[in-house]
């Protein structure tokens, strides 16, 4: 019984660690009328090559200040203006189904629209050591 409890607790902590974990750090630079995104994958993790990643850029309409969180701002006041292209990068040595690094991408913005922009979506990743996969929620106000 003690052995079962130890295994159960180990699995439970692994799942809780994965929930909300940010395995992919995203840096954003605005250059003129475009955003450049670079990705840094934490060591021991990989981004799914065939995963249905979704990263979109939204422009927030006036009144978004009333919303209490970023998800609500995007849902009620967001206007989708661009999507990041399909993620690509270097194939991981640990498993051919994953990327160990991701290429930077540039996304142009409509020149006539000013305002607050948000990157919103998800990235699917896995831990090679702990053998779990999860979705990282991305919600970030852009500079």
Protein backbone atom coordinates (compact mmCIF):
# COMPACT_ATOMS: atom_id res chain seq x y z
CA UNK A 1 0.00 0.00 0.00
CA UNK A 2 2.84 2.41 0.81
CA UNK A 3 4.47 1.67 -2.54
CA UNK A 4 1.18 2.39 -4.36
CA UNK A 5 0.77 5.68 -2.46
CA UNK A 6 4.31 6.78 -3.35
CA UNK A 7 3.74 6.05 -7.04
CA UNK A 8 0.37 7.81 -6.97
CA UNK A 9 1.82 10.91 -5.28
CA UNK A 10 4.70 11.03 -7.78
CA UNK A 11 2.28 10.90 -10.71
CA UNK A 12 -0.01 13.49 -9.12
CA UNK A 13 2.86 15.95 -8.59
CA UNK A 14 4.08 15.38 -12.16
CA UNK A 15 0.62 16.21 -13.53
CA UNK A 16 0.31 19.29 -11.31
CA UNK A 17 3.78 20.46 -12.36
CA UNK A 18 2.77 20.14 -16.01
CA UNK A 19 -0.49 22.02 -15.53
CA UNK A 20 0.17 25.66 -16.33
CA UNK A 21 3.87 25.06 -16.97
CA UNK A 22 5.51 27.42 -19.45
CA UNK A 23 7.89 25.16 -21.40
CA UNK A 24 8.13 27.61 -24.31
CA UNK A 25 9.21 31.19 -23.61
CA UNK A 26 8.19 33.69 -26.28
CA UNK A 27 10.11 36.92 -26.86
CA UNK A 28 8.48 39.63 -28.94
CA UNK A 29 10.04 42.57 -30.75
CA UNK A 30 8.10 45.16 -32.71
CA UNK A 31 9.93 46.36 -35.80
CA UNK A 32 7.98 48.99 -37.71
CA UNK A 33 4.63 47.48 -38.71
CA UNK A 34 5.48 43.89 -37.84
CA UNK A 35 6.13 41.71 -34.82
CA UNK A 36 9.01 39.27 -34.63
CA UNK A 37 8.58 36.27 -32.33
CA UNK A 38 11.41 34.08 -31.09
CA UNK A 39 10.87 30.91 -29.07
CA UNK A 40 13.01 29.31 -26.38
CA UNK A 41 12.06 25.73 -25.45
CA UNK A 42 13.06 24.69 -21.94
CA UNK A 43 15.65 21.90 -21.80
CA UNK A 44 14.04 18.44 -21.58
CA UNK A 45 10.90 19.50 -23.46
CA UNK A 46 9.82 19.34 -27.07
CA UNK A 47 7.08 21.01 -29.11
CA UNK A 48 4.86 18.61 -31.02
CA UNK A 49 5.66 18.74 -34.75
CA UNK A 50 2.17 17.75 -35.87
CA UNK A 51 0.31 19.43 -33.00
CA UNK A 52 -2.53 21.81 -33.70
CA UNK A 53 -0.83 24.89 -32.31
CA UNK A 54 -2.84 28.05 -32.48
CA UNK A 55 -1.25 31.46 -32.12
CA UNK A 56 -3.24 34.49 -33.24
CA UNK A 57 -2.78 38.22 -32.91
CA UNK A 58 -5.81 40.25 -31.85
CA UNK A 59 -6.33 44.00 -31.77
CA UNK A 60 -8.36 45.04 -28.73
CA UNK A 61 -11.25 47.39 -29.42
CA UNK A 62 -11.99 50.36 -27.14
CA UNK A 63 -13.65 49.32 -23.90
CA UNK A 64 -11.39 46.34 -23.27
CA UNK A 65 -10.29 47.96 -20.01
CA UNK A 66 -13.63 46.85 -18.52
CA UNK A 67 -12.71 43.16 -18.87
CA UNK A 68 -11.17 41.56 -15.81
CA UNK A 69 -8.75 39.17 -17.55
CA UNK A 70 -6.99 38.72 -20.89
CA UNK A 71 -9.21 35.86 -22.07
CA UNK A 72 -12.32 37.99 -21.57
CA UNK A 73 -10.64 40.93 -23.35
CA UNK A 74 -9.92 38.76 -26.40
CA UNK A 75 -13.36 37.11 -26.44
CA UNK A 76 -15.41 40.31 -26.03
CA UNK A 77 -13.21 43.02 -27.51
CA UNK A 78 -10.70 41.20 -29.72
CA UNK A 79 -10.51 41.49 -33.49
CA UNK A 80 -8.26 38.87 -35.08
CA UNK A 81 -5.78 40.63 -37.37
CA UNK A 82 -3.13 37.95 -38.01
CA UNK A 83 -2.06 34.38 -37.29
CA UNK A 84 1.43 33.06 -36.80
CA UNK A 85 2.45 30.58 -39.48
CA UNK A 86 2.83 26.88 -38.73
CA UNK A 87 5.66 26.34 -36.25
CA UNK A 88 8.85 24.76 -37.58
CA UNK A 89 12.31 24.13 -36.24
CA UNK A 90 14.98 21.57 -35.44
CA UNK A 91 13.81 17.98 -34.92
CA UNK A 92 14.59 16.70 -31.42
CA UNK A 93 17.15 13.92 -30.99
CA UNK A 94 15.12 12.46 -28.12
CA UNK A 95 12.05 11.88 -30.32
CA UNK A 96 11.46 12.59 -34.01
CA UNK A 97 7.87 13.68 -33.34
CA UNK A 98 9.02 16.89 -31.61
CA UNK A 99 10.98 20.08 -32.22
CA UNK A 100 13.82 20.90 -29.81
CA UNK A 101 14.12 24.46 -31.16
CA UNK A 102 11.70 26.66 -33.07
CA UNK A 103 12.47 29.15 -35.83
CA UNK A 104 11.69 32.82 -35.29
CA UNK A 105 8.76 34.20 -37.26
CA UNK A 106 7.74 37.68 -38.40
CA UNK A 107 4.12 38.73 -38.74
CA UNK A 108 3.09 41.97 -40.49
CA UNK A 109 0.24 44.02 -39.04
CA UNK A 110 -2.35 46.09 -40.87
CA UNK A 111 -0.82 49.55 -41.14
CA UNK A 112 -4.09 51.41 -40.64
CA UNK A 113 -4.99 49.90 -37.28
CA UNK A 114 -3.47 51.27 -34.10
CA UNK A 115 -4.23 50.11 -30.60
CA UNK A 116 -3.39 47.36 -28.14
CA UNK A 117 -2.37 44.00 -29.61
CA UNK A 118 -2.47 40.59 -27.92
CA UNK A 119 -0.87 37.24 -28.76
CA UNK A 120 -3.35 34.52 -27.79
CA UNK A 121 -3.54 30.76 -28.31
CA UNK A 122 -1.79 27.52 -27.34
CA UNK A 123 1.35 25.49 -27.96
CA UNK A 124 1.39 21.70 -27.49
CA UNK A 125 4.52 20.33 -25.83
CA UNK A 126 5.83 17.21 -24.08
CA UNK A 127 8.39 16.41 -21.41
CA UNK A 128 10.91 13.80 -22.52
CA UNK A 129 11.93 12.85 -18.97
CA UNK A 130 8.52 12.75 -17.29
CA UNK A 131 6.63 11.36 -20.32
CA UNK A 132 3.69 13.76 -20.17
CA UNK A 133 2.22 16.14 -22.72
CA UNK A 134 0.26 19.31 -22.16
CA UNK A 135 -0.97 22.49 -23.80
CA UNK A 136 0.61 25.78 -22.86
CA UNK A 137 -1.85 28.65 -22.94
CA UNK A 138 -0.42 31.81 -24.45
CA UNK A 139 -1.88 35.16 -23.51
CA UNK A 140 0.40 38.13 -23.81
CA UNK A 141 -0.11 41.84 -24.44
CA UNK A 142 2.34 42.85 -27.15
CA UNK A 143 4.65 45.88 -26.90
